[in-house]
PDB file of N, CA and C in Angstrom:
ATOM      1  N   UNK A   1       0.853  -0.884  -0.606  1.00  0.00           N
ATOM      2  CA  UNK A   1       0.338   0.117   0.263  1.00  0.00           C
ATOM      3  C   UNK A   1       1.150   0.879  -0.293  1.00  0.00           C
ATOM      4  N   UNK A   2       0.793   2.825  -0.410  1.00  0.00           N
ATOM      5  CA  UNK A   2       1.672   3.271  -0.869  1.00  0.00           C
ATOM      6  C   UNK A   2       0.898   4.382  -0.639  1.00  0.00           C
ATOM      7  N   UNK A   3       1.502   5.400  -0.322  1.00  0.00           N
ATOM      8  CA  UNK A   3       1.205   6.836   0.903  1.00  0.00           C
ATOM      9  C   UNK A   3      -0.033   7.553  -0.785  1.00  0.00           C
ATOM     10  N   UNK A   4      -1.090   8.404   0.045  1.00  0.00           N
ATOM     11  CA  UNK A   4      -1.813   9.288  -0.335  1.00  0.00           C
ATOM     12  C   UNK A   4      -2.104  10.157  -0.444  1.00  0.00           C
ATOM     13  N   UNK A   5      -2.175  11.018  -2.112  1.00  0.00           N
ATOM     14  CA  UNK A   5      -2.101  12.466  -1.950  1.00  0.00           C
ATOM     15  C   UNK A   5      -3.389  13.059  -1.972  1.00  0.00           C
ATOM     16  N   UNK A   6      -3.925  13.914  -0.839  1.00  0.00           N
ATOM     17  CA  UNK A   6      -5.042  14.654  -1.330  1.00  0.00           C
ATOM     18  C   UNK A   6      -4.805  16.164  -1.476  1.00  0.00           C
ATOM     19  N   UNK A   7      -5.761  16.750  -2.825  1.00  0.00           N
ATOM     20  CA  UNK A   7      -4.733  18.125  -2.978  1.00  0.00           C
ATOM     21  C   UNK A   7      -6.576  18.877  -2.386  1.00  0.00           C
ATOM     22  N   UNK A   8      -6.656  20.181  -2.538  1.00  0.00           N
ATOM     23  CA  UNK A   8      -8.134  21.139  -2.065  1.00  0.00           C
ATOM     24  C   UNK A   8      -7.986  22.286  -2.130  1.00  0.00           C
ATOM     25  N   UNK A   9      -8.593  23.085  -2.510  1.00  0.00           N
ATOM     26  CA  UNK A   9      -8.744  24.405  -2.443  1.00  0.00           C
ATOM     27  C   UNK A   9      -9.285  25.041  -1.197  1.00  0.00           C
ATOM     28  N   UNK A  10      -9.285  26.091  -1.033  1.00  0.00           N
ATOM     29  CA  UNK A  10     -10.018  26.310  -0.241  1.00  0.00           C
ATOM     30  C   UNK A  10      -9.984  28.306   0.130  1.00  0.00           C
ATOM     31  N   UNK A  11     -10.776  28.991   1.133  1.00  0.00           N
ATOM     32  CA  UNK A  11     -10.871  29.936   0.176  1.00  0.00           C
ATOM     33  C   UNK A  11     -10.150  31.138   1.449  1.00  0.00           C
ATOM     34  N   UNK A  12      -9.917  32.454   0.965  1.00  0.00           N
ATOM     35  CA  UNK A  12      -9.106  32.903   1.940  1.00  0.00           C
ATOM     36  C   UNK A  12     -10.206  34.378   2.484  1.00  0.00           C
ATOM     37  N   UNK A  13     -10.883  34.892   3.086  1.00  0.00           N
ATOM     38  CA  UNK A  13     -10.879  36.174   2.948  1.00  0.00           C
ATOM     39  C   UNK A  13     -10.370  37.859   3.070  1.00  0.00           C
ATOM     40  N   UNK A  14     -10.956  39.281   2.217  1.00  0.00           N
ATOM     41  CA  UNK A  14      -9.588  40.144   2.127  1.00  0.00           C
ATOM     42  C   UNK A  14      -9.510  40.122   3.413  1.00  0.00           C
ATOM     43  N   UNK A  15      -8.263  40.885   3.341  1.00  0.00           N
ATOM     44  CA  UNK A  15      -7.195  41.617   4.721  1.00  0.00           C
ATOM     45  C   UNK A  15      -6.540  40.724   5.612  1.00  0.00           C
ATOM     46  N   UNK A  16      -6.445  39.251   5.122  1.00  0.00           N
ATOM     47  CA  UNK A  16      -6.472  38.227   6.266  1.00  0.00           C
ATOM     48  C   UNK A  16      -5.509  37.619   6.397  1.00  0.00           C
ATOM     49  N   UNK A  17      -4.233  37.959   5.345  1.00  0.00           N
ATOM     50  CA  UNK A  17      -3.387  36.752   4.949  1.00  0.00           C
ATOM     51  C   UNK A  17      -2.221  36.542   5.193  1.00  0.00           C
ATOM     52  N   UNK A  18      -1.744  38.450   5.695  1.00  0.00           N
ATOM     53  CA  UNK A  18      -0.965  38.484   7.467  1.00  0.00           C
ATOM     54  C   UNK A  18      -1.199  37.151   8.466  1.00  0.00           C
ATOM     55  N   UNK A  19      -2.161  37.640   9.008  1.00  0.00           N
ATOM     56  CA  UNK A  19      -2.967  36.794   9.996  1.00  0.00           C
ATOM     57  C   UNK A  19      -2.875  35.356   9.814  1.00  0.00           C
ATOM     58  N   UNK A  20      -3.238  35.484   8.122  1.00  0.00           N
ATOM     59  CA  UNK A  20      -3.177  33.581   8.534  1.00  0.00           C
ATOM     60  C   UNK A  20      -2.228  32.575   8.570  1.00  0.00           C
ATOM     61  N   UNK A  21      -1.079  33.368   7.511  1.00  0.00           N
ATOM     62  CA  UNK A  21      -0.154  32.813   8.438  1.00  0.00           C
ATOM     63  C   UNK A  21       0.350  32.623   9.203  1.00  0.00           C
ATOM     64  N   UNK A  22       0.022  34.244  10.038  1.00  0.00           N
ATOM     65  CA  UNK A  22       0.598  33.671  11.967  1.00  0.00           C
ATOM     66  C   UNK A  22       0.689  32.887  11.945  1.00  0.00           C
ATOM     67  N   UNK A  23      -0.868  32.662  12.237  1.00  0.00           N
ATOM     68  CA  UNK A  23      -1.381  31.302  12.851  1.00  0.00           C
ATOM     69  C   UNK A  23      -0.753  30.458  12.646  1.00  0.00           C
ATOM     70  N   UNK A  24      -0.839  29.945  11.286  1.00  0.00           N
ATOM     71  CA  UNK A  24      -0.142  28.556  10.765  1.00  0.00           C
ATOM     72  C   UNK A  24       1.740  28.728  10.644  1.00  0.00           C
ATOM     73  N   UNK A  25       2.234  29.767  11.745  1.00  0.00           N
ATOM     74  CA  UNK A  25       3.493  30.069  11.439  1.00  0.00           C
ATOM     75  C   UNK A  25       3.702  29.513  13.434  1.00  0.00           C
ATOM     76  N   UNK A  26       2.460  29.813  13.309  1.00  0.00           N
ATOM     77  CA  UNK A  26       2.633  29.454  15.318  1.00  0.00           C
ATOM     78  C   UNK A  26       1.974  28.920  15.519  1.00  0.00           C
ATOM     79  N   UNK A  27       1.489  27.350  14.859  1.00  0.00           N
ATOM     80  CA  UNK A  27       0.591  26.008  14.670  1.00  0.00           C
ATOM     81  C   UNK A  27       0.776  25.170  16.122  1.00  0.00           C
ATOM     82  N   UNK A  28      -0.371  24.849  16.433  1.00  0.00           N
ATOM     83  CA  UNK A  28      -0.626  24.678  18.095  1.00  0.00           C
ATOM     84  C   UNK A  28       0.204  22.920  18.331  1.00  0.00           C
ATOM     85  N   UNK A  29       0.923  22.638  19.383  1.00  0.00           N
ATOM     86  CA  UNK A  29       1.281  21.585  19.041  1.00  0.00           C
ATOM     87  C   UNK A  29       0.926  20.185  19.712  1.00  0.00           C
ATOM     88  N   UNK A  30      -0.408  20.175  19.904  1.00  0.00           N
ATOM     89  CA  UNK A  30      -1.131  19.303  20.070  1.00  0.00           C
ATOM     90  C   UNK A  30      -1.841  19.349  18.630  1.00  0.00           C
ATOM     91  N   UNK A  31      -2.151  20.064  18.103  1.00  0.00           N
ATOM     92  CA  UNK A  31      -3.361  20.438  16.244  1.00  0.00           C
ATOM     93  C   UNK A  31      -1.777  18.767  15.806  1.00  0.00           C
ATOM     94  N   UNK A  32      -0.009  19.442  16.386  1.00  0.00           N
ATOM     95  CA  UNK A  32       0.421  18.635  15.189  1.00  0.00           C
ATOM     96  C   UNK A  32       0.433  17.497  16.158  1.00  0.00           C
ATOM     97  N   UNK A  33       0.618  17.302  16.657  1.00  0.00           N
ATOM     98  CA  UNK A  33      -0.162  15.578  16.774  1.00  0.00           C
ATOM     99  C   UNK A  33      -0.866  15.014  16.993  1.00  0.00           C
ATOM    100  N   UNK A  34      -2.426  15.524  16.734  1.00  0.00           N
ATOM    101  CA  UNK A  34      -3.041  15.080  16.252  1.00  0.00           C
ATOM    102  C   UNK A  34      -3.362  14.959  14.486  1.00  0.00           C
ATOM    103  N   UNK A  35      -2.756  15.622  13.902  1.00  0.00           N
ATOM    104  CA  UNK A  35      -3.011  15.265  12.395  1.00  0.00           C
ATOM    105  C   UNK A  35      -1.638  14.363  12.108  1.00  0.00           C
ATOM    106  N   UNK A  36      -0.374  14.703  13.304  1.00  0.00           N
ATOM    107  CA  UNK A  36       0.511  12.886  12.834  1.00  0.00           C
ATOM    108  C   UNK A  36      -0.566  12.251  13.151  1.00  0.00           C
ATOM    109  N   UNK A  37      -1.071  11.587  14.071  1.00  0.00           N
ATOM    110  CA  UNK A  37      -1.816  10.798  14.754  1.00  0.00           C
ATOM    111  C   UNK A  37      -2.359   9.759  13.564  1.00  0.00           C
ATOM    112  N   UNK A  38      -3.028  11.467  12.716  1.00  0.00           N
ATOM    113  CA  UNK A  38      -4.234  11.315  11.630  1.00  0.00           C
ATOM    114  C   UNK A  38      -3.152  10.113  10.688  1.00  0.00           C
ATOM    115  N   UNK A  39      -2.675  10.427  10.794  1.00  0.00           N
ATOM    116  CA  UNK A  39      -1.300   9.621   9.536  1.00  0.00           C
ATOM    117  C   UNK A  39      -0.564  11.064   8.343  1.00  0.00           C
ATOM    118  N   UNK A  40      -1.525  11.820   8.423  1.00  0.00           N
ATOM    119  CA  UNK A  40       0.234  12.876   7.616  1.00  0.00           C
ATOM    120  C   UNK A  40       0.753  13.216   8.296  1.00  0.00           C
ATOM    121  N   UNK A  41       1.637  13.091   6.836  1.00  0.00           N
ATOM    122  CA  UNK A  41       3.489  13.629   7.162  1.00  0.00           C
ATOM    123  C   UNK A  41       3.816  14.405   6.633  1.00  0.00           C
ATOM    124  N   UNK A  42       2.416  15.233   5.558  1.00  0.00           N
ATOM    125  CA  UNK A  42       3.136  16.224   4.779  1.00  0.00           C
ATOM    126  C   UNK A  42       2.534  16.807   4.557  1.00  0.00           C
ATOM    127  N   UNK A  43       2.321  18.418   4.096  1.00  0.00           N
ATOM    128  CA  UNK A  43       1.387  19.021   3.918  1.00  0.00           C
ATOM    129  C   UNK A  43       1.976  20.937   3.934  1.00  0.00           C
ATOM    130  N   UNK A  44       1.377  21.124   2.758  1.00  0.00           N
ATOM    131  CA  UNK A  44       1.966  22.614   2.627  1.00  0.00           C
ATOM    132  C   UNK A  44       0.496  22.641   1.574  1.00  0.00           C
ATOM    133  N   UNK A  45       0.729  24.336   2.345  1.00  0.00           N
ATOM    134  CA  UNK A  45       0.130  25.089   1.925  1.00  0.00           C
ATOM    135  C   UNK A  45      -0.241  26.545   1.102  1.00  0.00           C
ATOM    136  N   UNK A  46      -0.239  26.456   0.065  1.00  0.00           N
ATOM    137  CA  UNK A  46       0.432  27.916  -1.512  1.00  0.00           C
ATOM    138  C   UNK A  46      -1.138  28.453  -1.375  1.00  0.00           C
ATOM    139  N   UNK A  47      -0.987  29.817  -1.507  1.00  0.00           N
ATOM    140  CA  UNK A  47      -1.438  31.564  -1.693  1.00  0.00           C
ATOM    141  C   UNK A  47      -1.392  31.517  -3.380  1.00  0.00           C
ATOM    142  N   UNK A  48      -2.932  31.668  -3.460  1.00  0.00           N
ATOM    143  CA  UNK A  48      -2.880  32.709  -5.282  1.00  0.00           C
ATOM    144  C   UNK A  48      -3.427  34.295  -4.074  1.00  0.00           C
ATOM    145  N   UNK A  49      -2.101  34.934  -4.335  1.00  0.00           N
ATOM    146  CA  UNK A  49      -2.384  36.355  -4.003  1.00  0.00           C
ATOM    147  C   UNK A  49      -3.822  36.882  -4.609  1.00  0.00           C
ATOM    148  N   UNK A  50      -3.397  36.945  -5.878  1.00  0.00           N
ATOM    149  CA  UNK A  50      -4.982  37.649  -7.219  1.00  0.00           C
ATOM    150  C   UNK A  50      -5.730  37.193  -5.884  1.00  0.00           C
ATOM    151  N   UNK A  51      -6.351  36.226  -6.039  1.00  0.00           N
ATOM    152  CA  UNK A  51      -7.724  35.308  -5.861  1.00  0.00           C
ATOM    153  C   UNK A  51      -8.213  35.081  -4.527  1.00  0.00           C
ATOM    154  N   UNK A  52      -6.745  34.893  -3.461  1.00  0.00           N
ATOM    155  CA  UNK A  52      -7.565  34.875  -2.029  1.00  0.00           C
ATOM    156  C   UNK A  52      -7.202  33.258  -2.017  1.00  0.00           C
ATOM    157  N   UNK A  53      -6.471  32.406  -3.235  1.00  0.00           N
ATOM    158  CA  UNK A  53      -7.022  31.462  -3.224  1.00  0.00           C
ATOM    159  C   UNK A  53      -6.031  30.129  -2.705  1.00  0.00           C
ATOM    160  N   UNK A  54      -6.368  29.095  -1.564  1.00  0.00           N
ATOM    161  CA  UNK A  54      -5.664  28.417  -1.001  1.00  0.00           C
ATOM    162  C   UNK A  54      -5.024  26.907  -1.727  1.00  0.00           C
ATOM    163  N   UNK A  55      -4.613  26.843  -2.036  1.00  0.00           N
ATOM    164  CA  UNK A  55      -4.330  25.750  -2.717  1.00  0.00           C
ATOM    165  C   UNK A  55      -3.277  24.354  -1.486  1.00  0.00           C
ATOM    166  N   UNK A  56      -4.250  23.012  -1.282  1.00  0.00           N
ATOM    167  CA  UNK A  56      -3.665  22.610   0.241  1.00  0.00           C
ATOM    168  C   UNK A  56      -2.795  21.168  -0.734  1.00  0.00           C
ATOM    169  N   UNK A  57      -2.009  20.524   0.082  1.00  0.00           N
ATOM    170  CA  UNK A  57      -1.663  19.221  -0.958  1.00  0.00           C
ATOM    171  C   UNK A  57      -1.154  17.871   0.903  1.00  0.00           C
ATOM    172  N   UNK A  58      -1.644  17.877   1.113  1.00  0.00           N
ATOM    173  CA  UNK A  58      -0.480  16.566   2.251  1.00  0.00           C
ATOM    174  C   UNK A  58      -0.863  14.942   1.503  1.00  0.00           C
ATOM    175  N   UNK A  59       0.093  14.311   2.411  1.00  0.00           N
ATOM    176  CA  UNK A  59       0.274  13.226   1.985  1.00  0.00           C
ATOM    177  C   UNK A  59       0.072  12.165   3.489  1.00  0.00           C
ATOM    178  N   UNK A  60      -0.710  11.488   2.884  1.00  0.00           N
ATOM    179  CA  UNK A  60      -0.814  10.077   4.206  1.00  0.00           C
ATOM    180  C   UNK A  60      -0.304   8.812   4.006  1.00  0.00           C
ATOM    181  N   UNK A  61      -0.123   8.017   5.295  1.00  0.00           N
ATOM    182  CA  UNK A  61       0.981   7.403   5.298  1.00  0.00           C
ATOM    183  C   UNK A  61      -1.728   6.085   5.414  1.00  0.00           C
ATOM    184  N   UNK A  62      -0.883   5.090   4.666  1.00  0.00           N
ATOM    185  CA  UNK A  62      -1.993   4.170   4.922  1.00  0.00           C
ATOM    186  C   UNK A  62      -2.094   3.870   6.136  1.00  0.00           C
ATOM    187  N   UNK A  63      -4.042   3.219   5.877  1.00  0.00           N
ATOM    188  CA  UNK A  63      -3.997   2.487   7.445  1.00  0.00           C
ATOM    189  C   UNK A  63      -4.372   3.840   8.505  1.00  0.00           C
ATOM    190  N   UNK A  64      -4.018   5.378   8.240  1.00  0.00           N
ATOM    191  CA  UNK A  64      -4.138   5.744   9.571  1.00  0.00           C
ATOM    192  C   UNK A  64      -5.810   7.088   9.467  1.00  0.00           C
ATOM    193  N   UNK A  65      -6.138   6.675  11.064  1.00  0.00           N
ATOM    194  CA  UNK A  65      -7.922   7.509  10.923  1.00  0.00           C
ATOM    195  C   UNK A  65      -7.728   8.889   9.700  1.00  0.00           C
ATOM    196  N   UNK A  66      -7.768   8.761   8.697  1.00  0.00           N
ATOM    197  CA  UNK A  66      -8.023  10.360   8.441  1.00  0.00           C
ATOM    198  C   UNK A  66      -8.805  10.766   9.067  1.00  0.00           C
ATOM    199  N   UNK A  67     -10.221  10.123   8.634  1.00  0.00           N
ATOM    200  CA  UNK A  67     -11.410  11.019   8.873  1.00  0.00           C
ATOM    201  C   UNK A  67     -12.181  10.710  10.391  1.00  0.00           C
ATOM    202  N   UNK A  68     -10.980  10.172  11.614  1.00  0.00           N
ATOM    203  CA  UNK A  68     -11.569  10.672  12.869  1.00  0.00           C
ATOM    204  C   UNK A  68     -11.194  12.123  12.832  1.00  0.00           C
ATOM    205  N   UNK A  69     -10.375  12.830  12.257  1.00  0.00           N
ATOM    206  CA  UNK A  69      -9.452  13.720  12.040  1.00  0.00           C
ATOM    207  C   UNK A  69     -10.199  14.802  12.765  1.00  0.00           C
ATOM    208  N   UNK A  70     -11.641  14.738  11.741  1.00  0.00           N
ATOM    209  CA  UNK A  70     -12.770  16.087  12.068  1.00  0.00           C
ATOM    210  C   UNK A  70     -13.562  15.906  13.687  1.00  0.00           C
ATOM    211  N   UNK A  71     -13.063  14.983  14.290  1.00  0.00           N
ATOM    212  CA  UNK A  71     -14.069  14.187  15.639  1.00  0.00           C
ATOM    213  C   UNK A  71     -12.973  14.749  16.847  1.00  0.00           C
ATOM    214  N   UNK A  72     -11.495  15.053  16.200  1.00  0.00           N
ATOM    215  CA  UNK A  72     -10.966  15.598  17.316  1.00  0.00           C
ATOM    216  C   UNK A  72     -10.827  17.037  17.995  1.00  0.00           C
ATOM    217  N   UNK A  73     -11.208  17.576  19.230  1.00  0.00           N
ATOM    218  CA  UNK A  73     -11.679  18.349  20.181  1.00  0.00           C
ATOM    219  C   UNK A  73      -9.915  19.975  19.653  1.00  0.00           C
ATOM    220  N   UNK A  74      -9.510  19.162  19.359  1.00  0.00           N
ATOM    221  CA  UNK A  74      -8.500  19.953  19.389  1.00  0.00           C
ATOM    222  C   UNK A  74      -8.639  20.614  17.424  1.00  0.00           C
ATOM    223  N   UNK A  75      -9.097  19.911  16.070  1.00  0.00           N
ATOM    224  CA  UNK A  75      -9.395  19.934  15.232  1.00  0.00           C
ATOM    225  C   UNK A  75     -10.663  21.103  14.963  1.00  0.00           C
ATOM    226  N   UNK A  76     -12.135  21.007  15.926  1.00  0.00           N
ATOM    227  CA  UNK A  76     -12.715  21.810  16.251  1.00  0.00           C
ATOM    228  C   UNK A  76     -12.555  23.319  16.868  1.00  0.00           C
ATOM    229  N   UNK A  77     -11.751  22.936  17.787  1.00  0.00           N
ATOM    230  CA  UNK A  77     -11.095  24.576  18.440  1.00  0.00           C
ATOM    231  C   UNK A  77     -10.739  25.285  16.739  1.00  0.00           C
ATOM    232  N   UNK A  78      -8.833  24.860  16.118  1.00  0.00           N
ATOM    233  CA  UNK A  78      -8.425  25.434  15.444  1.00  0.00           C
ATOM    234  C   UNK A  78      -9.661  25.859  13.976  1.00  0.00           C
ATOM    235  N   UNK A  79     -10.993  24.810  13.743  1.00  0.00           N
ATOM    236  CA  UNK A  79     -11.398  26.255  12.906  1.00  0.00           C
ATOM    237  C   UNK A  79     -12.405  26.662  13.718  1.00  0.00           C
ATOM    238  N   UNK A  80     -12.568  26.519  14.540  1.00  0.00           N
ATOM    239  CA  UNK A  80     -13.207  27.748  15.876  1.00  0.00           C
ATOM    240  C   UNK A  80     -12.666  29.112  15.569  1.00  0.00           C
ATOM    241  N   UNK A  81     -11.141  28.649  15.678  1.00  0.00           N
ATOM    242  CA  UNK A  81      -9.963  30.278  15.293  1.00  0.00           C
ATOM    243  C   UNK A  81      -9.437  30.816  14.285  1.00  0.00           C
ATOM    244  N   UNK A  82      -9.610  29.656  12.745  1.00  0.00           N
ATOM    245  CA  UNK A  82      -9.875  30.174  11.860  1.00  0.00           C
ATOM    246  C   UNK A  82     -10.540  30.474  10.837  1.00  0.00           C
ATOM    247  N   UNK A  83     -11.914  30.572  11.319  1.00  0.00           N
ATOM    248  CA  UNK A  83     -12.331  30.556  10.355  1.00  0.00           C
ATOM    249  C   UNK A  83     -13.861  32.054  10.236  1.00  0.00           C
ATOM    250  N   UNK A  84     -12.376  33.244  11.164  1.00  0.00           N
ATOM    251  CA  UNK A  84     -12.824  34.820  10.522  1.00  0.00           C
ATOM    252  C   UNK A  84     -12.088  34.588   9.614  1.00  0.00           C
ATOM    253  N   UNK A  85     -11.377  33.642   9.082  1.00  0.00           N
ATOM    254  CA  UNK A  85     -10.531  34.016   7.768  1.00  0.00           C
ATOM    255  C   UNK A  85     -10.547  33.725   7.073  1.00  0.00           C
ATOM    256  N   UNK A  86     -11.690  32.303   6.907  1.00  0.00           N
ATOM    257  CA  UNK A  86     -11.606  32.280   5.735  1.00  0.00           C
ATOM    258  C   UNK A  86     -13.817  31.631   4.768  1.00  0.00           C
ATOM    259  N   UNK A  87     -14.092  30.839   4.533  1.00  0.00           N
ATOM    260  CA  UNK A  87     -14.572  30.563   3.891  1.00  0.00           C
ATOM    261  C   UNK A  87     -14.834  29.032   4.607  1.00  0.00           C
ATOM    262  N   UNK A  88     -15.756  29.488   5.253  1.00  0.00           N
ATOM    263  CA  UNK A  88     -16.013  28.465   6.326  1.00  0.00           C
ATOM    264  C   UNK A  88     -18.102  27.317   5.783  1.00  0.00           C
ATOM    265  N   UNK A  89     -18.275  25.938   6.330  1.00  0.00           N
ATOM    266  CA  UNK A  89     -18.852  25.789   6.844  1.00  0.00           C
ATOM    267  C   UNK A  89     -19.974  25.749   7.463  1.00  0.00           C
ATOM    268  N   UNK A  90     -21.253  25.642   7.787  1.00  0.00           N
ATOM    269  CA  UNK A  90     -21.736  26.096   9.189  1.00  0.00           C
ATOM    270  C   UNK A  90     -21.454  25.359  10.049  1.00  0.00           C
ATOM    271  N   UNK A  91     -20.235  24.684  10.306  1.00  0.00           N
ATOM    272  CA  UNK A  91     -19.249  24.013  11.856  1.00  0.00           C
ATOM    273  C   UNK A  91     -18.082  24.600  11.531  1.00  0.00           C
ATOM    274  N   UNK A  92     -17.398  25.714  11.326  1.00  0.00           N
ATOM    275  CA  UNK A  92     -16.160  26.318  10.789  1.00  0.00           C
ATOM    276  C   UNK A  92     -16.182  25.346  10.253  1.00  0.00           C
ATOM    277  N   UNK A  93     -15.879  24.635  10.037  1.00  0.00           N
ATOM    278  CA  UNK A  93     -14.383  23.342   8.343  1.00  0.00           C
ATOM    279  C   UNK A  93     -15.033  24.515   7.695  1.00  0.00           C
ATOM    280  N   UNK A  94     -12.763  24.086   7.454  1.00  0.00           N
ATOM    281  CA  UNK A  94     -12.939  24.781   6.486  1.00  0.00           C
ATOM    282  C   UNK A  94     -13.160  24.514   5.001  1.00  0.00           C
ATOM    283  N   UNK A  95     -14.535  25.726   4.124  1.00  0.00           N
ATOM    284  CA  UNK A  95     -14.861  25.169   3.032  1.00  0.00           C
ATOM    285  C   UNK A  95     -13.662  24.797   1.910  1.00  0.00           C
ATOM    286  N   UNK A  96     -13.708  23.681   1.672  1.00  0.00           N
ATOM    287  CA  UNK A  96     -13.203  22.744   0.389  1.00  0.00           C
ATOM    288  C   UNK A  96     -13.487  22.243  -0.440  1.00  0.00           C
ATOM    289  N   UNK A  97     -12.840  22.421  -1.909  1.00  0.00           N
ATOM    290  CA  UNK A  97     -13.046  21.878  -3.348  1.00  0.00           C
ATOM    291  C   UNK A  97     -11.921  21.670  -3.864  1.00  0.00           C
ATOM    292  N   UNK A  98     -12.363  20.018  -2.728  1.00  0.00           N
ATOM    293  CA  UNK A  98     -11.115  18.716  -3.743  1.00  0.00           C
ATOM    294  C   UNK A  98     -11.032  18.259  -5.174  1.00  0.00           C
ATOM    295  N   UNK A  99      -9.241  18.281  -5.959  1.00  0.00           N
ATOM    296  CA  UNK A  99      -8.960  18.466  -6.074  1.00  0.00           C
ATOM    297  C   UNK A  99      -8.510  17.137  -7.151  1.00  0.00           C
ATOM    298  N   UNK A 100      -9.033  16.618  -8.708  1.00  0.00           N
ATOM    299  CA  UNK A 100      -8.363  15.618  -8.356  1.00  0.00           C
ATOM    300  C   UNK A 100      -7.446  15.716  -9.428  1.00  0.00           C
ATOM    301  N   UNK A 101      -6.340  14.564  -9.088  1.00  0.00           N
ATOM    302  CA  UNK A 101      -5.381  14.876  -9.656  1.00  0.00           C
ATOM    303  C   UNK A 101      -5.533  14.228 -11.789  1.00  0.00           C
ATOM    304  N   UNK A 102      -4.251  14.660 -12.016  1.00  0.00           N
ATOM    305  CA  UNK A 102      -4.743  15.139 -13.909  1.00  0.00           C
ATOM    306  C   UNK A 102      -2.951  14.068 -14.142  1.00  0.00           C
ATOM    307  N   UNK A 103      -1.971  14.702 -13.437  1.00  0.00           N
ATOM    308  CA  UNK A 103      -0.807  14.362 -13.026  1.00  0.00           C
ATOM    309  C   UNK A 103       0.248  14.165 -12.502  1.00  0.00           C
ATOM    310  N   UNK A 104       1.490  13.370 -12.163  1.00  0.00           N
ATOM    311  CA  UNK A 104       1.775  13.648 -11.550  1.00  0.00           C
ATOM    312  C   UNK A 104       3.001  13.142 -11.920  1.00  0.00           C
ATOM    313  N   UNK A 105       4.167  13.298 -11.701  1.00  0.00           N
ATOM    314  CA  UNK A 105       5.927  12.699 -12.494  1.00  0.00           C
ATOM    315  C   UNK A 105       6.758  12.457 -11.047  1.00  0.00           C
ATOM    316  N   UNK A 106       6.954  11.192 -10.522  1.00  0.00           N
ATOM    317  CA  UNK A 106       7.619  10.795  -9.655  1.00  0.00           C
ATOM    318  C   UNK A 106       9.443  10.772 -10.554  1.00  0.00           C
ATOM    319  N   UNK A 107      10.083  11.137 -10.229  1.00  0.00           N
ATOM    320  CA  UNK A 107      11.457  10.647 -10.644  1.00  0.00           C
ATOM    321  C   UNK A 107      12.426  10.605 -10.222  1.00  0.00           C
TER     322      UNK A 107
END
């Protein structure tokens, strides 16, 4: 079984880029531990500054409980903390648009 890669978009609100970066620079240790516990071992978020679209890519180890991550209290607190900065669902989960893979090069 090989690692899984997931990519998706999220959307920032105007005027919050610096705060978004700051909050991620100060990522809570307990959230980092929850991400690792869910099998995430590599996670990057990129910003299109012209549209405020965030592009996220994460790599998952096989067989880990990624589906349980939204149930973690620390994840819910993070969503609440980030909700003022981005488009969110009713439960404050960031709105995500999943992106299908159309090309991959590993050389």
